[in-house]
Structures are given as structure tokens and as C-alpha cells.
Amino acid sequence: MFSYRCEQCRTTWPATSRREAEAERKRHRDLVHSGGVPDGDCIQQPPRPPKPPQPPFLATPLRRAISTTVAFGTLAIIIWVRHFA
């Protein structure tokens, strides 16, 4: 979806297809600005919605399980090295 915006007139037309927005721009330029290109004349595309934020590292069950496994594995290696080395 696209919308035509004329900054000089401070007007934005409703969102349509790119082709319809370009046709509206031409019609507006011809009728209001005698075919000239007004400053700030543009066809806008609405901004994309932001991506959802990533959860904190330990917020998911899989990450907690991996972290716990790594912690216990590290502890087991340390105990084994101290006991048998």
C-alpha cells in the first residue's frame, strides 16, 4: 500500500496501490500546481511494524536447559580434574 503526500498542501491521500498513488500525484500536480512538482512531493510506503523484541537469554525453557547443562557439565569436569588429576 502506498499513499501520495504533498508537503506544500500538507495533504496525504489514502493508501492505495503504487499505480493509483502515481495517478493521484499526476492529477494533483496538474490541477493544483499547474503541472509543476511541489517541494516535498512524494509517494510514501507505510513503515513496517517493528520486530518483536528478543526475550532475555534465559527466558525460554530451551535456553535454561542448555545453560543448566553447561553449568553442571563444567562443574563435573572441575570436580573430576581435582579428584583424579
N, C-alpha and C. Protein backbone atom coordinates (compact mmCIF):
# COMPACT_ATOMS: atom_id res chain seq x y z
N MET A 1 0.84 -1.18 0.00
CA MET A 1 0.00 0.00 0.00
C MET A 1 0.89 1.25 0.00
N PHE A 2 0.48 2.20 -0.79
CA PHE A 2 1.21 3.45 -0.94
C PHE A 2 0.24 4.61 -0.79
N SER A 3 0.77 5.75 -0.41
CA SER A 3 -0.07 6.95 -0.35
C SER A 3 0.73 8.13 -0.89
N TYR A 4 0.01 9.04 -1.54
CA TYR A 4 0.64 10.23 -2.09
C TYR A 4 0.59 11.34 -1.06
N ARG A 5 1.71 12.09 -0.92
CA ARG A 5 1.79 13.20 0.04
C ARG A 5 2.33 14.43 -0.66
N CYS A 6 1.60 15.54 -0.50
CA CYS A 6 2.06 16.84 -1.00
C CYS A 6 2.39 17.69 0.23
N GLU A 7 3.67 17.90 0.47
CA GLU A 7 4.09 18.68 1.65
C GLU A 7 3.65 20.13 1.54
N GLN A 8 3.63 20.66 0.33
CA GLN A 8 3.24 22.06 0.15
C GLN A 8 1.78 22.28 0.56
N CYS A 9 0.91 21.34 0.19
CA CYS A 9 -0.50 21.44 0.56
C CYS A 9 -0.77 20.82 1.93
N ARG A 10 0.22 20.13 2.47
CA ARG A 10 0.09 19.41 3.76
C ARG A 10 -1.09 18.43 3.72
N THR A 11 -1.08 17.63 2.64
CA THR A 11 -2.17 16.68 2.44
C THR A 11 -1.60 15.32 2.08
N THR A 12 -2.20 14.27 2.67
CA THR A 12 -1.84 12.89 2.33
C THR A 12 -3.11 12.19 1.87
N TRP A 13 -3.03 11.52 0.72
CA TRP A 13 -4.17 10.79 0.19
C TRP A 13 -4.19 9.39 0.79
N PRO A 14 -5.36 8.77 0.83
CA PRO A 14 -5.47 7.43 1.42
C PRO A 14 -4.58 6.41 0.70
N ALA A 15 -4.21 5.38 1.44
CA ALA A 15 -3.34 4.34 0.90
C ALA A 15 -4.04 3.56 -0.21
N THR A 16 -3.30 3.36 -1.30
CA THR A 16 -3.79 2.62 -2.47
C THR A 16 -2.62 1.84 -3.05
N SER A 17 -2.78 1.38 -4.29
CA SER A 17 -1.67 0.72 -4.97
C SER A 17 -0.67 1.78 -5.44
N ARG A 18 0.51 1.35 -5.80
CA ARG A 18 1.54 2.28 -6.28
C ARG A 18 1.06 3.02 -7.53
N ARG A 19 0.45 2.30 -8.46
CA ARG A 19 -0.03 2.90 -9.70
C ARG A 19 -1.10 3.96 -9.43
N GLU A 20 -2.04 3.67 -8.53
CA GLU A 20 -3.10 4.64 -8.20
C GLU A 20 -2.52 5.87 -7.49
N ALA A 21 -1.52 5.67 -6.64
CA ALA A 21 -0.88 6.80 -5.97
C ALA A 21 -0.17 7.69 -6.98
N GLU A 22 0.49 7.09 -7.96
CA GLU A 22 1.16 7.88 -9.01
C GLU A 22 0.15 8.65 -9.86
N ALA A 23 -1.00 8.02 -10.14
CA ALA A 23 -2.05 8.71 -10.91
C ALA A 23 -2.61 9.88 -10.11
N GLU A 24 -2.79 9.70 -8.81
CA GLU A 24 -3.29 10.78 -7.94
C GLU A 24 -2.28 11.92 -7.89
N ARG A 25 -0.99 11.58 -7.83
CA ARG A 25 0.06 12.61 -7.83
C ARG A 25 -0.01 13.43 -9.12
N LYS A 26 -0.13 12.77 -10.26
CA LYS A 26 -0.20 13.49 -11.54
C LYS A 26 -1.43 14.39 -11.60
N ARG A 27 -2.58 13.84 -11.17
CA ARG A 27 -3.82 14.62 -11.17
C ARG A 27 -3.68 15.84 -10.27
N HIS A 28 -3.13 15.67 -9.09
CA HIS A 28 -2.97 16.78 -8.15
C HIS A 28 -2.01 17.83 -8.70
N ARG A 29 -0.89 17.38 -9.23
CA ARG A 29 0.07 18.34 -9.82
C ARG A 29 -0.58 19.16 -10.93
N ASP A 30 -1.32 18.48 -11.79
CA ASP A 30 -1.94 19.18 -12.91
C ASP A 30 -3.00 20.18 -12.45
N LEU A 31 -3.85 19.78 -11.50
CA LEU A 31 -4.96 20.63 -11.05
C LEU A 31 -4.51 21.76 -10.13
N VAL A 32 -3.64 21.46 -9.18
CA VAL A 32 -3.32 22.45 -8.14
C VAL A 32 -2.03 23.20 -8.42
N HIS A 33 -1.04 22.54 -8.99
CA HIS A 33 0.28 23.15 -9.16
C HIS A 33 0.64 23.39 -10.63
N SER A 34 -0.35 23.41 -11.49
CA SER A 34 -0.16 23.69 -12.93
C SER A 34 0.88 22.77 -13.56
N GLY A 35 0.92 21.52 -13.12
CA GLY A 35 1.85 20.55 -13.68
C GLY A 35 3.23 20.57 -13.05
N GLY A 36 3.48 21.55 -12.17
CA GLY A 36 4.79 21.64 -11.51
C GLY A 36 4.93 20.60 -10.40
N VAL A 37 6.18 20.41 -9.96
CA VAL A 37 6.46 19.47 -8.89
C VAL A 37 6.65 20.26 -7.60
N PRO A 38 5.71 20.15 -6.67
CA PRO A 38 5.85 20.90 -5.43
C PRO A 38 6.94 20.31 -4.52
N ASP A 39 7.54 21.17 -3.70
CA ASP A 39 8.55 20.70 -2.75
C ASP A 39 7.92 19.69 -1.79
N GLY A 40 8.65 18.61 -1.52
CA GLY A 40 8.16 17.62 -0.58
C GLY A 40 7.15 16.66 -1.16
N ASP A 41 6.95 16.70 -2.46
CA ASP A 41 6.01 15.82 -3.14
C ASP A 41 6.60 14.40 -3.13
N CYS A 42 5.86 13.41 -2.61
CA CYS A 42 6.39 12.05 -2.57
C CYS A 42 5.28 11.02 -2.48
N ILE A 43 5.65 9.81 -2.82
CA ILE A 43 4.76 8.67 -2.62
C ILE A 43 5.36 7.87 -1.48
N GLN A 44 4.57 7.69 -0.44
CA GLN A 44 5.06 7.05 0.77
C GLN A 44 4.58 5.61 0.85
N GLN A 45 5.43 4.80 1.44
CA GLN A 45 5.05 3.43 1.76
C GLN A 45 4.97 3.38 3.28
N PRO A 46 3.89 2.83 3.82
CA PRO A 46 3.78 2.82 5.28
C PRO A 46 4.93 2.05 5.92
N PRO A 47 5.38 2.51 7.08
CA PRO A 47 6.50 1.83 7.73
C PRO A 47 6.11 0.41 8.14
N ARG A 48 7.10 -0.47 8.10
CA ARG A 48 6.86 -1.85 8.52
C ARG A 48 6.78 -1.90 10.04
N PRO A 49 5.97 -2.79 10.56
CA PRO A 49 5.90 -2.89 12.02
C PRO A 49 7.23 -3.38 12.57
N PRO A 50 7.61 -2.89 13.73
CA PRO A 50 8.89 -3.32 14.30
C PRO A 50 8.87 -4.79 14.67
N LYS A 51 10.05 -5.40 14.64
CA LYS A 51 10.17 -6.80 15.04
C LYS A 51 9.93 -6.90 16.54
N PRO A 52 9.34 -7.99 16.98
CA PRO A 52 9.15 -8.14 18.42
C PRO A 52 10.51 -8.26 19.11
N PRO A 53 10.63 -7.74 20.31
CA PRO A 53 11.92 -7.77 20.99
C PRO A 53 12.31 -9.21 21.34
N GLN A 54 13.62 -9.46 21.33
CA GLN A 54 14.13 -10.77 21.72
C GLN A 54 13.95 -10.94 23.23
N PRO A 55 13.57 -12.13 23.67
CA PRO A 55 13.46 -12.34 25.11
C PRO A 55 14.86 -12.37 25.74
N PRO A 56 14.97 -12.07 27.02
CA PRO A 56 16.27 -12.19 27.69
C PRO A 56 16.81 -13.61 27.50
N PHE A 57 18.11 -13.75 27.63
CA PHE A 57 18.76 -15.02 27.28
C PHE A 57 18.13 -16.23 27.97
N LEU A 58 17.85 -16.16 29.26
CA LEU A 58 17.33 -17.32 29.99
C LEU A 58 15.81 -17.36 30.04
N ALA A 59 15.14 -16.61 29.16
CA ALA A 59 13.69 -16.52 29.22
C ALA A 59 12.99 -17.73 28.62
N THR A 60 13.66 -18.50 27.78
CA THR A 60 13.00 -19.64 27.17
C THR A 60 13.43 -20.94 27.86
N PRO A 61 12.57 -21.94 27.92
CA PRO A 61 12.92 -23.20 28.58
C PRO A 61 14.15 -23.88 27.96
N LEU A 62 14.27 -23.82 26.63
CA LEU A 62 15.42 -24.45 25.99
C LEU A 62 16.73 -23.79 26.42
N ARG A 63 16.74 -22.47 26.47
CA ARG A 63 17.96 -21.77 26.89
C ARG A 63 18.29 -22.06 28.34
N ARG A 64 17.28 -22.15 29.19
CA ARG A 64 17.55 -22.50 30.60
C ARG A 64 18.12 -23.90 30.70
N ALA A 65 17.58 -24.84 29.93
CA ALA A 65 18.08 -26.22 29.96
C ALA A 65 19.53 -26.29 29.47
N ILE A 66 19.83 -25.59 28.40
CA ILE A 66 21.20 -25.58 27.88
C ILE A 66 22.15 -24.96 28.90
N SER A 67 21.76 -23.85 29.49
CA SER A 67 22.61 -23.18 30.48
C SER A 67 22.85 -24.07 31.69
N THR A 68 21.80 -24.74 32.16
CA THR A 68 21.94 -25.64 33.31
C THR A 68 22.86 -26.81 32.97
N THR A 69 22.70 -27.38 31.78
CA THR A 69 23.54 -28.50 31.35
C THR A 69 25.00 -28.07 31.26
N VAL A 70 25.25 -26.92 30.70
CA VAL A 70 26.63 -26.42 30.59
C VAL A 70 27.21 -26.17 31.99
N ALA A 71 26.42 -25.58 32.88
CA ALA A 71 26.91 -25.31 34.24
C ALA A 71 27.25 -26.60 34.97
N PHE A 72 26.35 -27.60 34.93
CA PHE A 72 26.62 -28.86 35.61
C PHE A 72 27.76 -29.62 34.93
N GLY A 73 27.84 -29.54 33.63
CA GLY A 73 28.95 -30.18 32.92
C GLY A 73 30.28 -29.58 33.30
N THR A 74 30.34 -28.27 33.37
CA THR A 74 31.57 -27.58 33.78
C THR A 74 31.94 -27.95 35.21
N LEU A 75 30.96 -27.98 36.10
CA LEU A 75 31.21 -28.36 37.50
C LEU A 75 31.71 -29.80 37.59
N ALA A 76 31.12 -30.71 36.81
CA ALA A 76 31.56 -32.10 36.82
C ALA A 76 32.99 -32.23 36.33
N ILE A 77 33.36 -31.49 35.30
CA ILE A 77 34.75 -31.53 34.79
C ILE A 77 35.71 -31.01 35.84
N ILE A 78 35.36 -29.91 36.49
CA ILE A 78 36.24 -29.35 37.53
C ILE A 78 36.43 -30.35 38.66
N ILE A 79 35.34 -30.97 39.13
CA ILE A 79 35.44 -31.94 40.22
C ILE A 79 36.28 -33.16 39.77
N TRP A 80 36.06 -33.64 38.57
CA TRP A 80 36.80 -34.79 38.07
C TRP A 80 38.30 -34.49 37.98
N VAL A 81 38.64 -33.30 37.46
CA VAL A 81 40.05 -32.91 37.33
C VAL A 81 40.69 -32.80 38.72
N ARG A 82 40.03 -32.20 39.67
CA ARG A 82 40.59 -32.04 41.01
C ARG A 82 40.69 -33.38 41.74
N HIS A 83 39.78 -34.29 41.49
CA HIS A 83 39.75 -35.55 42.22
C HIS A 83 40.72 -36.58 41.62
N PHE A 84 40.79 -36.63 40.29
CA PHE A 84 41.59 -37.67 39.65
C PHE A 84 42.90 -37.18 39.07
N ALA A 85 43.16 -35.93 39.07
CA ALA A 85 44.43 -35.44 38.48
C ALA A 85 45.47 -35.12 39.53
